[in-house]
Protein backbone atom coordinates (compact mmCIF):
# COMPACT_ATOMS: atom_id res chain seq x y z
CA MET A 1 44.77 -15.18 -11.65
CA GLU A 2 41.12 -15.89 -11.50
CA THR A 3 39.69 -15.87 -8.28
CA TYR A 4 36.16 -18.00 -7.21
CA GLN A 5 35.58 -16.25 -4.03
CA ILE A 6 32.95 -13.48 -3.78
CA ASP A 7 33.09 -9.83 -4.60
CA GLN A 8 32.39 -6.85 -4.03
CA GLU A 9 28.66 -6.49 -5.15
CA GLY A 10 27.98 -9.89 -3.35
CA TYR A 11 28.13 -12.20 -6.18
CA TYR A 12 30.44 -15.29 -7.48
CA GLY A 13 30.45 -15.01 -11.01
CA GLU A 14 26.65 -14.30 -12.27
CA PHE A 15 25.40 -16.34 -9.30
CA GLY A 16 24.19 -14.33 -5.65
CA GLY A 17 23.07 -11.33 -4.92
CA ALA A 18 20.47 -9.69 -2.84
CA TYR A 19 16.46 -10.09 -4.35
CA ILE A 20 14.66 -9.38 -1.24
CA PRO A 21 11.75 -7.54 -0.04
CA GLU A 22 11.67 -3.98 0.27
CA ILE A 23 10.45 -5.15 4.54
CA LEU A 24 14.11 -6.82 5.19
CA HIS A 25 15.55 -4.36 3.31
CA CYS A 26 17.60 -2.55 6.73
CA CYS A 27 17.79 -6.07 7.94
CA VAL A 28 20.27 -7.15 5.26
CA GLU A 29 21.74 -3.74 4.97
CA GLU A 30 22.45 -3.98 8.80
CA LEU A 31 23.87 -7.39 8.81
CA LYS A 32 26.00 -6.33 5.63
CA GLU A 33 27.45 -3.80 7.24
CA GLN A 34 28.41 -5.35 10.13
CA TYR A 35 29.60 -8.71 9.27
CA ARG A 36 32.76 -8.37 8.13
CA GLN A 37 33.86 -5.70 10.91
CA THR A 38 32.65 -8.23 13.25
CA LEU A 39 34.21 -11.39 12.10
CA ASP A 40 37.09 -9.66 11.87
CA SER A 41 37.28 -8.22 15.64
CA GLU A 42 39.75 -9.65 18.22
CA SER A 43 37.09 -10.53 20.83
CA PHE A 44 35.12 -12.13 18.14
CA LYS A 45 37.47 -14.04 17.12
CA ALA A 46 38.52 -15.11 20.77
CA GLU A 47 35.62 -15.92 21.85
CA PHE A 48 34.56 -17.92 18.69
CA GLU A 49 37.98 -20.17 18.85
CA GLN A 50 37.62 -20.47 22.31
CA LEU A 51 33.20 -21.78 21.78
CA LEU A 52 35.17 -24.30 18.85
CA ARG A 53 38.10 -25.66 20.78
CA ASP A 54 35.75 -26.30 24.76
CA TYR A 55 32.42 -26.36 23.62
CA VAL A 56 32.41 -27.59 19.73
CA GLY A 57 35.91 -30.10 20.74
CA ARG A 58 37.90 -28.74 18.25
CA PRO A 59 39.52 -29.74 15.48
CA SER A 60 37.79 -32.16 14.54
CA PRO A 61 39.76 -34.93 13.84
CA LEU A 62 41.58 -36.00 9.81
CA TYR A 63 41.34 -39.54 9.93
CA LEU A 64 43.10 -42.06 7.29
CA ALA A 65 40.18 -44.90 6.62
CA LYS A 66 42.57 -47.29 5.72
CA ARG A 67 40.67 -50.39 4.98
CA LEU A 68 38.36 -47.23 2.56
CA SER A 69 41.86 -46.49 1.17
CA GLU A 70 42.71 -49.81 0.30
CA LYS A 71 39.05 -50.45 -1.32
CA TYR A 72 39.59 -47.57 -3.88
CA GLY A 73 43.35 -47.20 -4.84
CA CYS A 74 44.60 -44.07 -3.10
CA LYS A 75 45.04 -42.46 0.06
CA ILE A 76 41.42 -41.23 1.53
CA TYR A 77 41.57 -39.26 4.90
CA LEU A 78 38.32 -38.26 6.39
CA LYS A 79 37.19 -34.66 7.61
CA ARG A 80 35.04 -36.34 11.17
CA GLU A 81 32.54 -33.22 11.73
CA ASP A 82 30.52 -35.92 12.69
CA LEU A 83 32.21 -35.94 16.13
CA ASN A 84 31.54 -32.17 16.52
CA HIS A 85 28.98 -31.43 19.39
CA THR A 86 25.25 -32.01 18.06
CA GLY A 87 26.62 -34.81 15.42
CA ALA A 88 27.84 -32.24 12.29
CA HIS A 89 29.07 -29.31 11.21
CA LYS A 90 26.14 -27.07 11.43
CA ILE A 91 27.60 -25.79 15.13
CA ASN A 92 30.22 -23.79 13.76
CA ASN A 93 28.24 -21.56 11.73
CA ALA A 94 25.61 -21.47 14.57
CA ILE A 95 27.71 -20.69 16.99
CA GLY A 96 29.67 -17.86 14.93
CA GLN A 97 25.74 -16.22 13.81
CA ALA A 98 24.92 -16.44 17.63
CA LEU A 99 27.68 -14.07 18.36
CA LEU A 100 27.20 -12.25 15.65
CA ALA A 101 23.43 -11.38 16.57
CA ARG A 102 24.02 -10.94 20.29
CA ARG A 103 26.43 -7.65 19.26
CA MET A 104 24.05 -6.46 16.85
CA GLY A 105 21.24 -6.37 20.01
CA LYS A 106 19.24 -9.55 18.81
CA ARG A 107 17.70 -11.69 20.56
CA ARG A 108 14.82 -13.62 19.19
CA ILE A 109 16.58 -15.96 16.45
CA ILE A 110 14.94 -17.75 13.34
CA ALA A 111 16.00 -20.63 11.76
CA GLU A 112 15.52 -23.07 9.48
CA THR A 113 15.72 -26.85 9.00
CA GLY A 114 15.26 -29.91 6.97
CA ALA A 115 17.28 -33.07 8.34
CA GLY A 116 17.02 -31.12 11.99
CA GLN A 117 20.70 -30.91 12.30
CA HIS A 118 21.25 -26.95 12.14
CA GLY A 119 17.68 -26.92 14.12
CA VAL A 120 19.19 -28.68 16.68
CA ALA A 121 22.69 -26.42 16.47
CA ALA A 122 20.63 -23.31 16.44
CA ALA A 123 18.46 -24.38 19.48
CA THR A 124 21.92 -25.71 21.37
CA VAL A 125 23.84 -22.11 20.80
CA CYS A 126 20.37 -20.22 21.78
CA ALA A 127 20.12 -22.25 25.50
CA LEU A 128 24.22 -21.69 25.46
CA MET A 129 23.56 -18.18 25.11
CA GLY A 130 19.89 -17.45 26.67
CA MET A 131 18.45 -16.48 23.46
CA GLU A 132 14.93 -17.00 22.31
CA CYS A 133 14.99 -19.58 19.64
CA ILE A 134 12.04 -20.52 16.99
CA VAL A 135 12.30 -23.62 14.21
CA TYR A 136 10.50 -23.92 11.27
CA MET A 137 10.49 -27.41 9.94
CA GLY A 138 8.75 -28.92 7.37
CA GLN A 139 6.01 -31.59 8.67
CA THR A 140 7.47 -34.57 6.10
CA ASP A 141 11.01 -33.92 8.06
CA VAL A 142 9.33 -33.81 11.65
CA GLU A 143 8.12 -36.91 11.16
CA ARG A 144 11.06 -38.33 9.67
CA GLN A 145 13.89 -37.12 11.84
CA HIS A 146 11.30 -37.04 15.01
CA VAL A 147 14.73 -37.32 17.83
CA ASN A 148 15.86 -34.34 16.04
CA VAL A 149 12.49 -32.90 16.74
CA GLU A 150 12.63 -34.00 20.49
CA ARG A 151 16.29 -32.80 21.22
CA MET A 152 15.26 -28.96 19.90
CA LYS A 153 11.97 -28.98 22.86
CA MET A 154 14.00 -30.13 25.16
CA LEU A 155 16.98 -27.59 24.33
CA GLY A 156 14.09 -24.85 24.85
CA ALA A 157 13.28 -24.28 21.11
CA THR A 158 9.81 -23.53 19.73
CA VAL A 159 9.38 -26.12 16.67
CA TYR A 160 6.89 -24.93 13.78
CA PRO A 161 5.68 -27.29 11.57
CA VAL A 162 4.98 -26.10 7.93
CA THR A 163 2.56 -27.85 5.94
CA SER A 164 2.36 -25.96 2.95
CA GLY A 165 3.84 -27.12 -0.18
CA ASN A 166 5.89 -30.58 0.07
CA LYS A 167 6.84 -29.84 3.39
CA THR A 168 10.48 -29.51 3.55
CA LEU A 169 13.06 -27.61 3.26
CA LYS A 170 11.35 -25.15 0.53
CA ASP A 171 8.93 -24.45 2.11
CA VAL A 172 10.52 -24.40 6.06
CA THR A 173 12.55 -21.30 3.92
CA ASN A 174 9.74 -19.46 2.57
CA GLU A 175 7.80 -19.31 6.26
CA ALA A 176 11.00 -18.43 8.24
CA ILE A 177 11.47 -15.34 5.41
CA ARG A 178 7.72 -14.31 6.22
CA ASP A 179 8.59 -14.61 10.00
CA TRP A 180 11.13 -12.28 9.56
CA CYS A 181 9.52 -9.91 7.73
CA CYS A 182 6.69 -9.51 10.20
CA HIS A 183 9.76 -9.23 13.34
CA PRO A 184 12.37 -7.63 11.48
CA ALA A 185 13.21 -5.10 14.71
CA ASP A 186 14.39 -7.56 16.91
CA THR A 187 14.53 -11.02 15.02
CA TYR A 188 17.76 -12.26 13.82
CA TYR A 189 17.45 -15.00 11.01
CA LEU A 190 20.20 -17.63 11.32
CA ILE A 191 20.46 -19.63 7.89
CA GLY A 192 22.00 -22.88 7.77
CA SER A 193 23.60 -23.06 4.59
CA THR A 194 25.40 -21.00 1.91
CA VAL A 195 21.81 -19.69 0.82
CA GLY A 196 20.14 -17.14 0.72
CA PRO A 197 20.64 -12.96 -0.01
CA HIS A 198 23.93 -11.68 0.03
CA PRO A 199 26.25 -11.44 2.69
CA TYR A 200 24.58 -15.22 4.07
CA PRO A 201 26.02 -16.93 1.49
CA ASP A 202 29.93 -15.63 2.51
CA LEU A 203 28.93 -15.11 6.22
CA VAL A 204 28.23 -18.88 6.22
CA ALA A 205 31.50 -20.16 4.11
CA ARG A 206 33.40 -17.73 6.26
CA LEU A 207 32.41 -19.57 9.68
CA GLN A 208 32.10 -22.64 8.02
CA SER A 209 35.92 -22.29 7.03
CA VAL A 210 37.18 -23.82 9.94
CA ILE A 211 37.11 -26.99 8.12
CA SER A 212 39.34 -26.10 5.30
CA ARG A 213 41.84 -24.12 7.46
CA GLU A 214 42.33 -27.21 9.95
CA ILE A 215 42.30 -29.67 7.00
CA LYS A 216 45.73 -27.54 5.63
CA ALA A 217 47.26 -27.65 9.51
CA GLN A 218 45.96 -31.74 9.50
CA LEU A 219 47.54 -32.29 5.99
CA LEU A 220 51.05 -30.93 7.05
CA SER A 221 51.74 -32.69 10.21
CA GLN A 222 50.58 -35.63 8.07
CA GLU A 223 51.73 -35.80 4.41
CA GLY A 224 53.84 -32.89 4.95
CA ARG A 225 52.22 -30.40 2.28
CA ASP A 226 49.17 -28.06 3.43
CA TYR A 227 47.11 -29.76 0.38
CA PRO A 228 45.09 -32.70 -1.19
CA ASP A 229 44.43 -33.83 -4.64
CA TYR A 230 40.86 -34.14 -4.01
CA LEU A 231 38.78 -32.23 -1.61
CA MET A 232 34.75 -34.23 -1.92
CA ALA A 233 31.74 -32.98 -0.03
CA CYS A 234 27.95 -33.12 -0.40
CA VAL A 235 26.04 -29.97 -1.18
CA GLY A 236 22.11 -29.51 -0.54
CA GLY A 237 22.56 -26.05 0.06
CA GLY A 238 26.39 -26.33 0.27
CA SER A 239 27.86 -24.92 3.94
CA ASN A 240 29.81 -27.99 5.02
CA ALA A 241 31.02 -28.32 1.06
CA ALA A 242 31.95 -24.53 1.21
CA GLY A 243 33.97 -24.87 4.51
CA THR A 244 35.69 -28.19 2.73
CA ILE A 245 37.03 -25.67 0.23
CA TYR A 246 37.10 -22.33 1.42
CA HIS A 247 40.91 -21.99 1.65
CA TYR A 248 41.61 -24.26 -1.53
CA LEU A 249 39.14 -22.33 -4.14
CA ASP A 250 41.72 -20.73 -5.88
CA ASP A 251 44.41 -23.19 -5.87
CA GLU A 252 44.28 -25.42 -8.80
CA ARG A 253 46.37 -27.77 -7.58
CA VAL A 254 43.35 -29.07 -5.83
CA ARG A 255 40.41 -30.85 -7.99
CA ILE A 256 36.97 -30.59 -6.14
CA VAL A 257 33.94 -32.88 -6.07
CA LEU A 258 30.54 -31.98 -4.91
CA ALA A 259 28.17 -34.88 -4.60
CA GLU A 260 24.20 -33.91 -5.18
CA ALA A 261 21.08 -35.66 -3.79
CA GLY A 262 20.05 -37.72 -7.43
CA GLY A 263 17.14 -38.80 -5.77
CA MET A 264 15.35 -41.21 -8.31
CA GLY A 265 17.42 -40.35 -11.10
CA VAL A 266 18.73 -37.28 -12.48
CA ASP A 267 15.81 -37.40 -15.68
CA SER A 268 13.25 -38.89 -13.20
CA GLY A 269 11.41 -36.28 -12.09
CA ARG A 270 12.63 -37.40 -8.63
CA THR A 271 15.31 -35.53 -7.85
CA ALA A 272 16.95 -32.70 -6.06
CA ALA A 273 20.11 -32.65 -8.24
CA THR A 274 19.98 -28.57 -9.09
CA ILE A 275 23.43 -28.35 -10.80
CA HIS A 276 22.29 -31.23 -13.19
CA ALA A 277 18.57 -30.26 -13.29
CA GLY A 278 18.31 -26.39 -12.61
CA ARG A 279 18.77 -23.59 -14.50
CA LEU A 280 19.24 -20.12 -13.51
CA GLY A 281 16.52 -18.02 -11.14
CA VAL A 282 16.01 -16.14 -8.08
CA ILE A 283 15.48 -18.53 -4.52
CA HIS A 284 15.10 -17.48 -1.15
CA GLY A 285 16.77 -13.64 -1.95
CA SER A 286 19.58 -15.01 -3.78
CA LYS A 287 20.34 -15.24 -8.47
CA THR A 288 21.13 -19.34 -8.65
CA LEU A 289 20.54 -22.32 -10.38
CA VAL A 290 17.18 -23.40 -9.40
CA MET A 291 14.90 -26.92 -10.18
CA GLN A 292 11.83 -25.08 -11.68
CA ASP A 293 9.24 -25.76 -14.79
CA GLY A 294 8.82 -23.93 -18.50
CA ASP A 295 6.96 -20.39 -16.31
CA GLY A 296 9.78 -20.60 -13.87
CA GLN A 297 7.69 -22.14 -11.04
CA ILE A 298 10.19 -24.00 -8.45
CA LEU A 299 9.95 -27.76 -8.85
CA GLU A 300 9.54 -30.23 -5.23
CA PRO A 301 13.07 -31.67 -5.16
CA TYR A 302 12.92 -35.05 -3.66
CA SER A 303 15.86 -37.13 -2.08
CA ILE A 304 16.03 -39.65 0.25
CA SER A 305 18.18 -37.31 2.51
CA ALA A 306 15.91 -34.36 4.09
CA GLY A 307 19.30 -31.97 4.66
CA LEU A 308 20.11 -32.23 0.65
CA ASP A 309 16.08 -32.51 -0.51
CA TYR A 310 16.38 -28.07 -1.93
CA PRO A 311 15.75 -27.34 -5.01
CA GLY A 312 18.60 -24.34 -5.10
CA ILE A 313 21.99 -24.60 -4.27
CA GLY A 314 24.55 -22.01 -2.60
CA PRO A 315 25.96 -19.46 -5.40
CA MET A 316 29.61 -20.26 -4.02
CA HIS A 317 29.00 -23.87 -5.97
CA ALA A 318 26.50 -22.74 -8.55
CA ASN A 319 29.55 -20.88 -9.95
CA LEU A 320 31.81 -23.20 -9.26
CA ALA A 321 30.08 -25.56 -11.68
CA ALA A 322 29.68 -23.27 -14.33
CA LYS A 323 32.91 -22.63 -14.46
CA ARG A 324 34.06 -26.28 -14.39
CA ARG A 325 36.35 -25.17 -10.91
CA ALA A 326 34.63 -28.14 -9.49
CA THR A 327 33.16 -31.42 -10.94
CA VAL A 328 29.32 -32.10 -9.29
CA LEU A 329 28.32 -35.69 -9.19
CA ALA A 330 24.55 -36.74 -8.89
CA ILE A 331 24.56 -39.61 -6.60
CA ASP A 332 21.03 -41.48 -6.15
CA ASP A 333 19.77 -42.88 -2.90
CA ASN A 334 20.57 -46.26 -3.41
CA GLU A 335 24.36 -45.01 -4.36
CA ALA A 336 24.06 -43.54 -1.30
CA LEU A 337 22.79 -45.87 1.00
CA ARG A 338 25.28 -48.21 -0.63
CA ALA A 339 28.00 -46.15 0.41
CA ALA A 340 26.56 -45.67 4.05
CA PHE A 341 26.87 -49.39 4.57
CA GLU A 342 30.37 -49.33 3.23
CA LEU A 343 31.81 -47.02 5.42
CA THR A 344 29.87 -48.44 8.15
CA ARG A 345 31.41 -52.27 7.58
CA LEU A 346 35.33 -50.96 6.41
CA GLU A 347 35.77 -48.21 9.27
CA GLY A 348 33.18 -48.66 11.60
CA ILE A 349 32.01 -45.41 11.35
CA ILE A 350 27.84 -44.69 10.30
CA PRO A 351 27.59 -41.45 8.21
CA ALA A 352 25.08 -38.95 8.30
CA LEU A 353 22.68 -39.85 4.59
CA GLU A 354 24.00 -36.10 3.73
CA SER A 355 27.39 -37.64 3.85
CA ALA A 356 26.52 -41.09 2.43
CA HIS A 357 26.09 -38.78 -1.27
CA ALA A 358 29.97 -37.71 -1.35
CA LEU A 359 31.11 -41.15 -0.40
CA GLY A 360 28.61 -42.26 -3.24
CA ALA A 361 30.79 -40.34 -5.52
CA LEU A 362 34.08 -42.31 -4.67
CA PRO A 363 33.51 -45.06 -7.18
CA LYS A 364 32.76 -42.95 -10.58
CA VAL A 365 36.40 -40.98 -9.31
CA HIS A 366 39.73 -42.27 -10.79
CA PHE A 367 42.29 -42.18 -8.42
CA ARG A 368 45.68 -42.76 -8.31
CA PRO A 369 47.61 -44.72 -5.79
CA ASP A 370 49.91 -41.39 -4.91
CA ASP A 371 46.70 -39.30 -4.53
CA VAL A 372 45.31 -37.69 -1.42
CA VAL A 373 41.55 -37.47 -1.07
CA VAL A 374 39.92 -35.51 1.89
CA LEU A 375 36.50 -36.57 1.97
CA THR A 376 34.09 -34.12 4.54
CA VAL A 377 32.17 -36.72 6.66
CA SER A 378 29.29 -33.84 7.27
CA GLY A 379 27.28 -35.55 10.07
CA ARG A 380 26.98 -38.97 12.22
CA GLY A 381 23.68 -40.81 10.68
CA ASP A 382 21.76 -41.12 14.21
CA LYS A 383 19.39 -39.47 12.86
CA ASP A 384 19.05 -41.62 10.07
CA ILE A 385 18.79 -45.30 11.44
CA GLN A 386 15.44 -45.34 10.86
CA THR A 387 15.74 -45.45 6.83
CA TYR A 388 19.05 -47.50 7.19
CA LEU A 389 16.74 -50.46 8.89
CA SER A 390 13.84 -49.88 6.33
CA HIS A 391 16.67 -49.74 3.09
CA PRO A 392 19.45 -52.84 4.33
CA PHE A 393 22.17 -53.19 2.44
């Protein structure tokens, strides 16, 4: 049977690998040698699960959205990652990687952030564990996610605004990698998504897989079976989606629908829909689909959502799209905004703009009345209130 999981060499099909400067070779090799051994150890699992339960507040609820279900003619469950401590799924991965870094003797943590949720999560766990935290964030995002910047500073992190390029997630990741190159011995790079050189995509997916593990148990309790007909999630780099689908990757009974940021439209030149608009290339240490021009220069992405504003995609998701295991829909800004207001008014839940893209995919899928759909609300919308106020529906 074909598997969609990572192989021994760090590839999902033709995507993945580690394309890194020589100075980082030792850091990445050290991580590669230690991550599986650490994650599989009983002491790590016990500490990780205790923090997820008592600090993050897991399991996050699987909520049957009755009014949303009625509108779309099926049974829609929302996986409520917005109810986690810090307000998004990012905290799952941040805690796991911080525990790993501590076991590796690294006390200086660097992180990149777009919407700020990963930066807040990294700053939170560093405060919890007494570690130094440096967060790189694009100047554009510093301005549109001001509250998250102040949260990071209050938690004790140093926030560096990045002013190069488009001043968003791509440029921030470049700066974080430069920092890592300058401080390879004592620094741990806490990547926030399923991107970067192997083993990061697999490491992040494993730490986020708590989402699909819980979905299985919760569906069994509520539906009498442990799998849905559809799994839906938004993808930028792809960590919440990877966590949502991890335990279902090879279960062909489950249809996977991923929503990427269409921006102003896939063909508009103002988009972050990498799977639709990208082609094979290398970005931030990984071979994947990349938005690029004819000379291989990376194109600036655009999305109203800071967390999806990235010109690449995690190699897991590139492979799922290439092998047609997942249906990938490009949701434009207006579709996402409309979906955010719809959820707010039907269910009293204000979603993050990122999650609104997954909700924006609902009208594009033809459901049957007996279909069970699980859609992950990856974060809450507090951070996006200014954008919502500027674009009322």
